[in-house]
Amino acid sequence: MKVSELNIDQLEEAASMLKAIAHPMRIAILNFLEDGNKMTVTEIHQKLQIEQSTTSHHLGILKDKGVLCSKREGKNTFYFLKHERLSSIVDCISQCTV
């Protein structure tokens, strides 16, 4: 699909998602969730070595903007990429910063 084929609502949604991703910790979260990985808040905050409340805040933003989804299993909530294609954004960023 070409940008010229997108309507204004789709462009607004894409811009909103990119704004949500545009934070170092959120890029790291996307990186952890590549390849269909699912992780809990606890697993993510331990990997990032930041407070759990801060991790929850970042996850909430990503979920609110349609970047992530979550699924509750027992006491745990697992987060994962809403669209696996989003992992290509992380790949692109990684290649562009070398």
Foldseek 3Di string as FASTA:
>chain_A
DDPVPDDPVVVVLVVLLVVLCPDVLSLVVQVCQAPNDKDFLVVSCVVVVDDSVVSVVSLVSNVVSQQWDWDDDVPTIIIHGNDNCVVVVSVVVVVVVD
